[in-house]
Amino acid sequence: MPDSLVSYRCDLLRQNLNKRGISPFLTLFSALFFQRVFRLTLTFGVHWRTVEPLNDRVTHRLMNELKRRALMVYRMIFNQTAYFGRGAIKEIPAVAKQHGFTKAFIVTDPVLLETGTAEKVTKVLDEAGLPYEVFSNVKPNPPVECIKDGVAKFAESGADFLIGLGGGSPQDTCKGIGIITANPEFADVLSLEGVADTKNPSVPIFGVPTTAGTASETTINYVVTDTANKRKFVAVDPHDIPIVAFVDPDLTDSMPRGLKVATGLDALTHAIEGYITPGAWSLSDCLSMQTIRMIAKNLAKSADGDIPAGEQMAYASYITGMAYSNVGLGLVHGMAHPLGGRLGVAHGVANGILLAPVMEYNKDFTGEKYRDIADAFGVEDAYTGDLEKVREEAVQAVHKLTVDLKNPTTISEVGATEADLAPLAHDAFNDVCTPGNPRQATEEDILKIYTSLM
C-alpha cells in the first residue's frame, strides 16, 4: 500500500480521536500503531475508509485491536473437538451426554428434511433416546427474520444445546440463534454486524455440515441478510464457534452437482483469500495451501460423482475454515456479499464468478504466493518461470476450473443490470471483508471489476 494512503488514513484516525477528547499523546500513539499494523488484515467490523462515523464503543475496540496487532500476536481459535470420517454423526449422542445435554434443537432447512439428509441425524438421536426439536424456517442467505423466529422457538423448546445441520445458511442461522439467546441485548440482530461486543458464549452448538464449502462448523463468522435494506453483513464473534464439529462425508455425498460446484468454489475462495490476505502467517499458510492443493485435485472429480474425491472436499472445507476464520478474507467476499444481499445470488456461485477476476486485480500485490497456487494447479514452470507469467498462469488455472465446472462467469448471468452496478460497488467497498484484501481497492476499482463482468 502506498505510504501516502497509510498517512491519509492515519490523519483520519487522529481527527476522529481528537474530536472525542482523547489526549494528543494517545492520539499520536494510536496513529503510530495504525501505521505499523495497517498491512495486516483487519477482520473486525471497522470500515477504515470511513473513520469519521466511529462511535466511542468502536473506538475502544479499535484501540484494543491495534495494540494486539502491533505486538504481532497471532490468535487462532478452533473447535474444542472435531470428529471426521464416515459415520462421525454417530458420535453425537455420546458427546452430548458427556456435556450433560438433555435435548437438542436442530436448525436445518426444508430441502434437507425433504431429501432425507436430516433424517440421518435424527435417526441417530432416536436410537440413542436423545430428545430433539427441529426448526426448519431457514432460507438461503439467512435473513434477520428467520433468526428472530428461531430465537423464539428455541426459548419455547426446552432444549439446552443446538445442532446446526446443513450448509452455510442453516449453520449461520443456528449461530445467530445461539448468540442472541445468550446475549438478548442483540435481539435486533442488526447490531451483531462486524465484531459484536457480546459478553457470553453462544448456547452450545454442534456443527454438522452437509456441504463442503462454508466451513461454518469451525469458524467464528456468520453471515446475515438485512432484508429491509437488501444487504448482507458479516458478524465476527469468537463466542459463536461450535464447541464440537462432526464432519461426516456420508452427509455430503448426496449433494447435487450444482451445489458441489458452488460450495467447492466457496472453499477454494476461502483458501486463496486466506492465503494472500496480509494477516496470513505460517500456520494459516499451511492450512490454506494444503486446502488449495486438495481442491485443485478433487473438486472437478467430486462434482462428477467421485465419492473419495467428495470425502476429500469435505475435509478441505474444514481445513481452510480453520485458517480464514482467523486471518480474514478479501475483496472476492467483499464483492460476493452484495450479490447475495441485493440479487439473491448463491454465495458460492458469486465467489466463483469473482475469484479469477479479483486474483487478476491482486496479482502484483501477492509476492511469490501465486507460484504456490500455480503449482497446486499443475503449472509446470511454477517455481522456475518469470513471476509475472506465473501469476497470470495461476489466474488462468482458476478461471479454467470455473469454466470447466460450468459455473457462471459474468454477473449478468445471475441477474445483474447496469443499474445495479453502483449500489453493488458501494456495498462491496464498505463490506467488512474488503479491507483484508492485499491490494486496497477503491470504490471506483470495484465498480470497474463489476462492470467488466457484465
Protein backbone atom coordinates (compact mmCIF):
# COMPACT_ATOMS: atom_id res chain seq x y z
CA MET A 1 0.00 0.00 0.00
CA PRO A 2 1.37 3.47 -0.83
CA ASP A 3 2.72 5.31 2.20
CA SER A 4 0.63 8.34 1.24
CA LEU A 5 -2.55 6.31 1.67
CA VAL A 6 -1.42 4.99 5.04
CA SER A 7 -0.64 8.55 6.15
CA TYR A 8 -4.02 9.76 4.93
CA ARG A 9 -5.86 7.14 6.93
CA CYS A 10 -3.72 7.86 9.99
CA ASP A 11 -4.75 11.52 9.70
CA LEU A 12 -8.42 10.49 9.61
CA LEU A 13 -7.90 8.38 12.71
CA ARG A 14 -6.20 11.24 14.55
CA GLN A 15 -9.03 13.62 13.62
CA ASN A 16 -11.63 11.15 14.85
CA LEU A 17 -9.89 10.61 18.19
CA ASN A 18 -9.26 14.33 18.68
CA LYS A 19 -12.98 15.03 18.26
CA ARG A 20 -13.64 12.69 21.16
CA GLY A 21 -11.33 14.49 23.52
CA ILE A 22 -8.63 11.82 23.56
CA SER A 23 -5.26 13.15 24.64
CA PRO A 24 -2.75 14.20 21.97
CA PHE A 25 -0.29 11.60 23.25
CA LEU A 26 -2.79 8.76 22.98
CA THR A 27 -3.97 10.05 19.63
CA LEU A 28 -0.43 10.01 18.24
CA PHE A 29 0.21 6.64 19.90
CA SER A 30 -2.84 5.10 18.24
CA ALA A 31 -1.97 6.57 14.85
CA LEU A 32 1.53 5.11 15.05
CA PHE A 33 0.06 1.73 15.92
CA PHE A 34 -2.30 2.09 13.00
CA GLN A 35 0.56 2.87 10.62
CA ARG A 36 2.56 -0.10 11.86
CA VAL A 37 -0.20 -2.67 11.56
CA PHE A 38 -2.19 -1.42 8.58
CA ARG A 39 -0.70 -4.03 6.28
CA LEU A 40 -2.09 -6.77 8.50
CA THR A 41 -5.61 -7.85 7.69
CA LEU A 42 -8.25 -6.17 9.84
CA THR A 43 -11.09 -8.65 10.05
CA PHE A 44 -13.10 -6.94 12.73
CA GLY A 45 -16.05 -4.73 11.94
CA VAL A 46 -14.47 -1.34 11.39
CA HIS A 47 -14.51 0.27 7.96
CA TRP A 48 -11.16 2.02 7.81
CA ARG A 49 -12.13 4.06 4.78
CA THR A 50 -14.88 5.81 6.74
CA VAL A 51 -13.29 6.52 10.07
CA GLU A 52 -15.45 9.57 10.75
CA PRO A 53 -18.62 7.69 11.87
CA LEU A 54 -16.83 5.63 14.51
CA ASN A 55 -18.61 5.71 17.85
CA ASP A 56 -16.91 5.54 21.24
CA ARG A 57 -17.51 1.81 21.63
CA VAL A 58 -15.93 1.08 18.26
CA THR A 59 -13.02 3.40 19.02
CA HIS A 60 -12.36 1.47 22.23
CA ARG A 61 -12.37 -1.84 20.34
CA LEU A 62 -10.17 -0.29 17.69
CA MET A 63 -7.55 0.69 20.24
CA ASN A 64 -7.50 -2.77 21.80
CA GLU A 65 -7.15 -4.42 18.43
CA LEU A 66 -4.41 -2.05 17.32
CA LYS A 67 -2.40 -2.78 20.45
CA ARG A 68 -2.79 -6.50 19.99
CA ARG A 69 -1.84 -6.47 16.31
CA ALA A 70 1.11 -4.14 16.79
CA LEU A 71 2.68 -6.69 19.11
CA MET A 72 2.44 -9.23 16.26
CA VAL A 73 0.46 -11.71 18.31
CA TYR A 74 -1.50 -14.14 16.18
CA ARG A 75 -4.74 -15.51 17.60
CA MET A 76 -6.11 -18.84 16.39
CA ILE A 77 -9.49 -20.10 17.59
CA PHE A 78 -10.66 -23.64 16.82
CA ASN A 79 -13.41 -26.01 17.96
CA GLN A 80 -12.88 -27.71 21.29
CA THR A 81 -13.27 -31.05 19.49
CA ALA A 82 -13.99 -32.30 15.97
CA TYR A 83 -14.84 -35.72 14.55
CA PHE A 84 -14.04 -36.70 10.96
CA GLY A 85 -14.97 -39.63 8.78
CA ARG A 86 -17.88 -41.66 7.58
CA GLY A 87 -20.23 -42.31 10.46
CA ALA A 88 -18.96 -39.36 12.52
CA ILE A 89 -22.55 -38.32 13.32
CA LYS A 90 -22.96 -41.50 15.35
CA GLU A 91 -20.77 -39.84 17.99
CA ILE A 92 -23.33 -37.07 18.62
CA PRO A 93 -25.34 -38.75 21.41
CA ALA A 94 -22.27 -39.82 23.40
CA VAL A 95 -20.70 -36.36 23.09
CA ALA A 96 -23.98 -34.73 24.15
CA LYS A 97 -24.10 -36.99 27.17
CA GLN A 98 -20.50 -36.12 28.09
CA HIS A 99 -21.51 -32.47 28.15
CA GLY A 100 -24.63 -33.18 30.20
CA PHE A 101 -27.00 -32.05 27.44
CA THR A 102 -30.54 -33.41 27.51
CA LYS A 103 -32.38 -32.04 24.46
CA ALA A 104 -31.24 -30.82 21.04
CA PHE A 105 -32.67 -28.00 18.94
CA ILE A 106 -31.81 -28.90 15.35
CA VAL A 107 -31.56 -26.00 12.90
CA THR A 108 -31.81 -27.22 9.31
CA ASP A 109 -33.59 -26.31 6.08
CA PRO A 110 -36.66 -27.68 4.27
CA VAL A 111 -34.62 -29.26 1.47
CA LEU A 112 -32.60 -31.38 3.89
CA LEU A 113 -35.83 -32.52 5.51
CA GLU A 114 -37.37 -33.42 2.15
CA THR A 115 -34.33 -35.28 0.84
CA GLY A 116 -33.89 -37.36 3.99
CA THR A 117 -30.48 -35.95 4.85
CA ALA A 118 -31.71 -34.55 8.16
CA GLU A 119 -33.24 -37.92 8.96
CA LYS A 120 -29.78 -39.45 9.03
CA VAL A 121 -29.07 -37.36 12.11
CA THR A 122 -32.47 -37.59 13.78
CA LYS A 123 -32.35 -41.38 13.40
CA VAL A 124 -29.11 -41.45 15.39
CA LEU A 125 -30.74 -39.35 18.11
CA ASP A 126 -33.86 -41.52 18.12
CA GLU A 127 -31.83 -44.70 18.52
CA ALA A 128 -29.97 -43.13 21.44
CA GLY A 129 -33.17 -41.86 23.06
CA LEU A 130 -31.98 -38.25 22.91
CA PRO A 131 -34.92 -35.82 22.62
CA TYR A 132 -34.84 -33.10 19.98
CA GLU A 133 -36.90 -30.47 18.22
CA VAL A 134 -36.45 -29.48 14.58
CA PHE A 135 -36.50 -25.88 13.37
CA SER A 136 -36.56 -25.54 9.58
CA ASN A 137 -37.57 -21.92 8.92
CA VAL A 138 -34.22 -21.38 7.24
CA LYS A 139 -33.71 -19.59 3.93
CA PRO A 140 -30.64 -19.06 1.72
CA ASN A 141 -28.55 -16.03 2.68
CA PRO A 142 -30.19 -16.23 6.15
CA PRO A 143 -32.45 -13.25 6.82
CA VAL A 144 -32.87 -11.44 10.12
CA GLU A 145 -36.48 -12.61 10.38
CA CYS A 146 -35.57 -16.32 10.39
CA ILE A 147 -33.04 -15.81 13.17
CA LYS A 148 -35.58 -13.95 15.29
CA ASP A 149 -38.10 -16.74 14.74
CA GLY A 150 -35.50 -19.31 15.74
CA VAL A 151 -34.71 -17.46 18.94
CA ALA A 152 -38.39 -17.50 19.90
CA LYS A 153 -38.80 -21.18 19.03
CA PHE A 154 -35.68 -22.18 20.93
CA ALA A 155 -36.93 -20.39 24.04
CA GLU A 156 -40.12 -22.46 23.88
CA SER A 157 -38.39 -25.78 23.18
CA GLY A 158 -36.73 -26.58 26.48
CA ALA A 159 -33.59 -27.59 24.59
CA ASP A 160 -30.16 -26.99 26.09
CA PHE A 161 -27.96 -27.25 23.01
CA LEU A 162 -28.12 -26.57 19.26
CA ILE A 163 -27.26 -28.68 16.25
CA GLY A 164 -26.52 -26.67 13.12
CA LEU A 165 -27.27 -29.18 10.38
CA GLY A 166 -26.68 -28.09 6.81
CA GLY A 167 -24.63 -25.78 4.68
CA GLY A 168 -23.91 -22.15 5.43
CA SER A 169 -27.48 -20.92 5.79
CA PRO A 170 -28.67 -23.38 8.49
CA GLN A 171 -25.40 -23.14 10.38
CA ASP A 172 -25.29 -19.35 10.24
CA THR A 173 -28.92 -19.17 11.33
CA CYS A 174 -28.03 -21.52 14.18
CA LYS A 175 -25.18 -19.26 15.27
CA GLY A 176 -27.44 -16.24 15.31
CA ILE A 177 -29.98 -18.11 17.45
CA GLY A 178 -27.32 -19.25 19.89
CA ILE A 179 -25.65 -15.86 20.24
CA ILE A 180 -28.87 -13.88 20.74
CA THR A 181 -30.28 -16.39 23.22
CA ALA A 182 -27.14 -15.96 25.32
CA ASN A 183 -26.92 -12.20 24.67
CA PRO A 184 -30.50 -10.91 24.38
CA GLU A 185 -29.38 -7.30 24.15
CA PHE A 186 -28.58 -8.11 20.49
CA ALA A 187 -32.14 -9.25 19.75
CA ASP A 188 -32.43 -6.82 16.82
CA VAL A 189 -29.79 -8.98 15.04
CA LEU A 190 -28.50 -5.96 13.08
CA SER A 191 -26.29 -4.85 15.97
CA LEU A 192 -24.26 -8.05 15.55
CA GLU A 193 -22.64 -6.66 12.39
CA GLY A 194 -18.86 -6.55 12.44
CA VAL A 195 -17.34 -7.51 15.76
CA ALA A 196 -20.21 -7.55 18.22
CA ASP A 197 -19.27 -6.90 21.83
CA THR A 198 -21.08 -9.98 23.15
CA LYS A 199 -20.31 -10.96 26.71
CA ASN A 200 -21.49 -14.57 26.78
CA PRO A 201 -20.64 -17.63 24.68
CA SER A 202 -23.40 -18.93 22.44
CA VAL A 203 -25.74 -21.65 23.56
CA PRO A 204 -23.53 -24.71 22.88
CA ILE A 205 -23.56 -25.67 19.19
CA PHE A 206 -22.70 -28.93 17.45
CA GLY A 207 -21.79 -28.10 13.84
CA VAL A 208 -22.80 -30.78 11.32
CA PRO A 209 -22.04 -29.74 7.71
CA THR A 210 -23.89 -31.21 4.75
CA THR A 211 -21.91 -29.23 2.15
CA ALA A 212 -18.20 -28.90 1.50
CA GLY A 213 -17.63 -25.18 1.33
CA THR A 214 -18.78 -22.82 4.05
CA ALA A 215 -16.89 -24.38 6.98
CA SER A 216 -19.26 -22.64 9.37
CA GLU A 217 -18.79 -25.58 11.72
CA THR A 218 -15.30 -24.34 12.54
CA THR A 219 -15.41 -20.57 12.06
CA ILE A 220 -16.05 -17.55 14.25
CA ASN A 221 -18.02 -15.86 11.47
CA TYR A 222 -21.55 -15.95 10.16
CA VAL A 223 -23.48 -14.04 7.54
CA VAL A 224 -26.91 -12.43 7.88
CA THR A 225 -29.13 -10.70 5.33
CA ASP A 226 -30.71 -7.37 6.27
CA THR A 227 -33.72 -7.84 4.02
CA ALA A 228 -35.12 -4.37 4.61
CA ASN A 229 -32.00 -2.80 3.13
CA LYS A 230 -31.12 -5.60 0.69
CA ARG A 231 -27.68 -6.16 2.12
CA LYS A 232 -25.67 -8.97 3.65
CA PHE A 233 -23.36 -8.41 6.56
CA VAL A 234 -20.76 -10.45 8.39
CA ALA A 235 -20.75 -11.00 12.13
CA VAL A 236 -17.38 -11.90 13.62
CA ASP A 237 -17.59 -13.30 17.13
CA PRO A 238 -15.38 -15.89 18.88
CA HIS A 239 -18.39 -16.67 21.06
CA ASP A 240 -20.24 -18.26 18.11
CA ILE A 241 -17.87 -21.09 17.22
CA PRO A 242 -19.44 -24.55 17.62
CA ILE A 243 -17.94 -26.43 20.54
CA VAL A 244 -17.89 -29.66 18.51
CA ALA A 245 -17.87 -30.33 14.77
CA PHE A 246 -18.90 -33.58 13.08
CA VAL A 247 -17.58 -33.74 9.50
CA ASP A 248 -19.25 -36.81 8.03
CA PRO A 249 -18.87 -37.29 4.25
CA ASP A 250 -21.95 -39.53 4.28
CA LEU A 251 -23.94 -36.29 4.56
CA THR A 252 -22.20 -34.53 1.66
CA ASP A 253 -22.31 -37.38 -0.87
CA SER A 254 -25.89 -36.64 -1.86
CA MET A 255 -25.32 -33.00 -2.82
CA PRO A 256 -26.49 -32.25 -6.38
CA ARG A 257 -23.75 -31.34 -8.82
CA GLY A 258 -24.55 -27.62 -8.83
CA LEU A 259 -24.25 -27.44 -5.06
CA LYS A 260 -20.97 -29.34 -5.09
CA VAL A 261 -19.61 -26.84 -7.60
CA ALA A 262 -20.84 -23.75 -5.75
CA THR A 263 -19.70 -24.85 -2.29
CA GLY A 264 -16.41 -26.13 -3.67
CA LEU A 265 -15.68 -22.79 -5.28
CA ASP A 266 -16.57 -21.14 -1.98
CA ALA A 267 -13.99 -23.33 -0.24
CA LEU A 268 -11.39 -22.52 -2.91
CA THR A 269 -12.07 -18.81 -2.46
CA HIS A 270 -11.65 -19.16 1.31
CA ALA A 271 -8.31 -20.90 0.77
CA ILE A 272 -6.89 -18.46 -1.78
CA GLU A 273 -8.08 -15.31 0.01
CA GLY A 274 -6.90 -16.70 3.34
CA TYR A 275 -3.51 -17.42 1.77
CA ILE A 276 -2.89 -13.98 0.27
CA THR A 277 -4.51 -11.73 2.88
CA PRO A 278 -1.90 -9.59 4.66
CA GLY A 279 -2.83 -11.18 8.00
CA ALA A 280 -1.79 -14.66 6.85
CA TRP A 281 1.15 -16.27 8.68
CA SER A 282 2.99 -19.57 8.86
CA LEU A 283 0.28 -21.70 10.49
CA SER A 284 -2.59 -20.30 8.43
CA ASP A 285 -0.48 -20.66 5.27
CA CYS A 286 0.00 -24.38 5.96
CA LEU A 287 -3.75 -24.85 6.25
CA SER A 288 -4.70 -22.65 3.28
CA MET A 289 -2.11 -24.06 0.89
CA GLN A 290 -2.95 -27.66 1.72
CA THR A 291 -6.59 -26.85 1.02
CA ILE A 292 -5.78 -25.31 -2.36
CA ARG A 293 -3.92 -28.49 -3.34
CA MET A 294 -6.78 -30.70 -2.17
CA ILE A 295 -9.42 -28.67 -4.03
CA ALA A 296 -7.38 -28.40 -7.24
CA LYS A 297 -7.09 -32.19 -7.22
CA ASN A 298 -10.60 -33.14 -6.11
CA LEU A 299 -13.27 -30.53 -6.88
CA ALA A 300 -13.94 -31.44 -10.51
CA LYS A 301 -13.90 -35.16 -9.68
CA SER A 302 -16.26 -34.61 -6.77
CA ALA A 303 -18.66 -32.65 -8.95
CA ASP A 304 -18.74 -35.59 -11.36
CA GLY A 305 -19.68 -38.00 -8.59
CA ASP A 306 -16.34 -39.40 -7.43
CA ILE A 307 -17.02 -40.48 -3.83
CA PRO A 308 -13.41 -40.47 -2.50
CA ALA A 309 -12.89 -37.01 -4.03
CA GLY A 310 -16.06 -35.80 -2.33
CA GLU A 311 -14.73 -37.00 1.00
CA GLN A 312 -11.52 -35.04 0.45
CA MET A 313 -13.58 -31.94 -0.35
CA ALA A 314 -15.43 -32.30 2.97
CA TYR A 315 -12.13 -32.27 4.83
CA ALA A 316 -10.67 -29.48 2.66
CA SER A 317 -13.58 -27.22 3.52
CA TYR A 318 -12.96 -27.68 7.24
CA ILE A 319 -9.19 -27.22 6.95
CA THR A 320 -9.44 -23.89 5.17
CA GLY A 321 -12.11 -22.77 7.65
CA MET A 322 -9.54 -23.13 10.41
CA ALA A 323 -7.35 -20.64 8.55
CA TYR A 324 -9.60 -17.98 7.05
CA SER A 325 -11.75 -17.70 10.16
CA ASN A 326 -8.68 -16.45 12.00
CA VAL A 327 -6.85 -14.37 9.40
CA GLY A 328 -9.67 -12.97 7.27
CA LEU A 329 -10.69 -12.85 3.63
CA GLY A 330 -10.66 -10.17 0.96
CA LEU A 331 -12.30 -8.48 -2.00
CA VAL A 332 -13.88 -11.59 -3.54
CA HIS A 333 -16.05 -12.00 -0.47
CA GLY A 334 -16.50 -8.26 -0.18
CA MET A 335 -17.97 -8.22 -3.69
CA ALA A 336 -19.86 -11.51 -3.36
CA HIS A 337 -21.87 -10.43 -0.33
CA PRO A 338 -23.72 -7.61 -2.17
CA LEU A 339 -24.58 -10.01 -5.00
CA GLY A 340 -26.27 -12.19 -2.41
CA GLY A 341 -27.86 -9.35 -0.48
CA ARG A 342 -29.23 -7.41 -3.44
CA LEU A 343 -29.78 -10.10 -6.06
CA GLY A 344 -30.10 -13.29 -4.04
CA VAL A 345 -27.16 -14.96 -5.80
CA ALA A 346 -25.93 -18.13 -4.09
CA HIS A 347 -22.74 -17.29 -2.23
CA GLY A 348 -20.55 -19.95 -3.81
CA VAL A 349 -21.75 -19.07 -7.30
CA ALA A 350 -20.89 -15.41 -6.69
CA ASN A 351 -17.44 -16.33 -5.41
CA GLY A 352 -16.86 -18.47 -8.48
CA ILE A 353 -17.68 -15.56 -10.79
CA LEU A 354 -15.38 -13.19 -8.94
CA LEU A 355 -12.40 -15.30 -7.88
CA ALA A 356 -10.28 -15.25 -11.06
CA PRO A 357 -11.01 -11.57 -11.91
CA VAL A 358 -10.09 -10.43 -8.39
CA MET A 359 -6.99 -12.63 -8.45
CA GLU A 360 -6.03 -10.77 -11.63
CA TYR A 361 -6.62 -7.45 -9.86
CA ASN A 362 -4.49 -8.55 -6.88
CA LYS A 363 -1.68 -10.37 -8.66
CA ASP A 364 1.02 -7.68 -8.35
CA PHE A 365 0.44 -7.43 -4.59
CA THR A 366 0.93 -11.08 -3.62
CA GLY A 367 4.68 -11.60 -3.52
CA GLU A 368 5.65 -15.15 -4.53
CA LYS A 369 2.43 -16.79 -3.34
CA TYR A 370 0.88 -17.22 -6.78
CA ARG A 371 3.75 -19.58 -7.54
CA ASP A 372 2.40 -21.96 -4.90
CA ILE A 373 -1.14 -21.63 -6.26
CA ALA A 374 0.10 -22.25 -9.80
CA ASP A 375 1.99 -25.34 -8.63
CA ALA A 376 -1.14 -26.69 -6.93
CA PHE A 377 -2.92 -26.47 -10.28
CA GLY A 378 -0.14 -28.28 -12.14
CA VAL A 379 1.62 -25.34 -13.80
CA GLU A 380 4.99 -26.82 -14.82
CA ASP A 381 7.13 -23.70 -14.51
CA ALA A 382 5.51 -22.51 -11.28
CA TYR A 383 8.85 -22.17 -9.48
CA THR A 384 11.14 -21.53 -12.43
CA GLY A 385 9.18 -19.22 -14.72
CA ASP A 386 9.04 -15.45 -14.76
CA LEU A 387 6.96 -14.30 -11.79
CA GLU A 388 4.62 -12.11 -13.83
CA LYS A 389 3.98 -15.01 -16.22
CA VAL A 390 3.38 -17.49 -13.40
CA ARG A 391 0.96 -15.14 -11.70
CA GLU A 392 -1.07 -14.97 -14.88
CA GLU A 393 -0.94 -18.76 -15.20
CA ALA A 394 -2.34 -19.11 -11.69
CA VAL A 395 -5.22 -16.80 -12.56
CA GLN A 396 -5.93 -18.69 -15.78
CA ALA A 397 -5.85 -22.05 -13.99
CA VAL A 398 -8.56 -20.88 -11.60
CA HIS A 399 -10.56 -19.38 -14.46
CA LYS A 400 -10.33 -22.63 -16.41
CA LEU A 401 -11.59 -24.63 -13.42
CA THR A 402 -14.54 -22.28 -13.08
CA VAL A 403 -15.41 -22.65 -16.76
CA ASP A 404 -14.95 -26.42 -16.73
CA LEU A 405 -17.30 -26.66 -13.75
CA LYS A 406 -19.89 -24.65 -15.71
CA ASN A 407 -20.22 -22.00 -13.02
CA PRO A 408 -21.36 -18.62 -14.38
CA THR A 409 -18.52 -16.26 -15.25
CA THR A 410 -20.45 -12.99 -15.52
CA ILE A 411 -22.76 -11.19 -13.12
CA SER A 412 -25.26 -10.54 -15.90
CA GLU A 413 -25.87 -14.31 -15.95
CA VAL A 414 -27.13 -14.10 -12.37
CA GLY A 415 -29.42 -11.12 -12.95
CA ALA A 416 -27.25 -8.03 -12.54
CA THR A 417 -28.12 -4.99 -14.64
CA GLU A 418 -26.30 -1.73 -15.29
CA ALA A 419 -28.49 -0.06 -12.67
CA ASP A 420 -27.20 -2.47 -10.02
CA LEU A 421 -23.52 -1.73 -10.51
CA ALA A 422 -23.09 1.45 -8.46
CA PRO A 423 -25.06 0.16 -5.43
CA LEU A 424 -23.15 -3.13 -5.59
CA ALA A 425 -19.82 -1.30 -5.66
CA HIS A 426 -20.83 0.90 -2.74
CA ASP A 427 -21.83 -2.09 -0.62
CA ALA A 428 -18.69 -4.02 -1.53
CA PHE A 429 -16.45 -1.09 -0.68
CA ASN A 430 -17.97 -0.97 2.80
CA ASP A 431 -18.05 -4.73 3.38
CA VAL A 432 -16.13 -5.96 6.41
CA CYS A 433 -14.12 -8.44 4.28
CA THR A 434 -12.80 -5.89 1.78
CA PRO A 435 -10.05 -4.36 4.00
CA GLY A 436 -8.41 -7.81 4.19
CA ASN A 437 -7.54 -7.66 0.51
CA PRO A 438 -3.80 -7.50 -0.32
CA ARG A 439 -4.46 -4.59 -2.69
CA GLN A 440 -6.51 -1.81 -1.16
CA ALA A 441 -9.43 -1.26 -3.52
CA THR A 442 -11.24 1.99 -4.13
CA GLU A 443 -14.94 2.10 -4.86
CA GLU A 444 -14.06 3.04 -8.43
CA ASP A 445 -11.83 -0.04 -8.73
CA ILE A 446 -14.66 -2.25 -7.53
CA LEU A 447 -17.12 -0.66 -9.95
CA LYS A 448 -14.70 -1.36 -12.82
CA ILE A 449 -14.44 -5.03 -11.86
CA TYR A 450 -18.21 -5.42 -11.67
CA THR A 451 -18.60 -3.61 -15.00
CA SER A 452 -16.06 -5.89 -16.65
CA LEU A 453 -18.17 -8.88 -15.59
CA MET A 454 -21.39 -7.74 -17.26
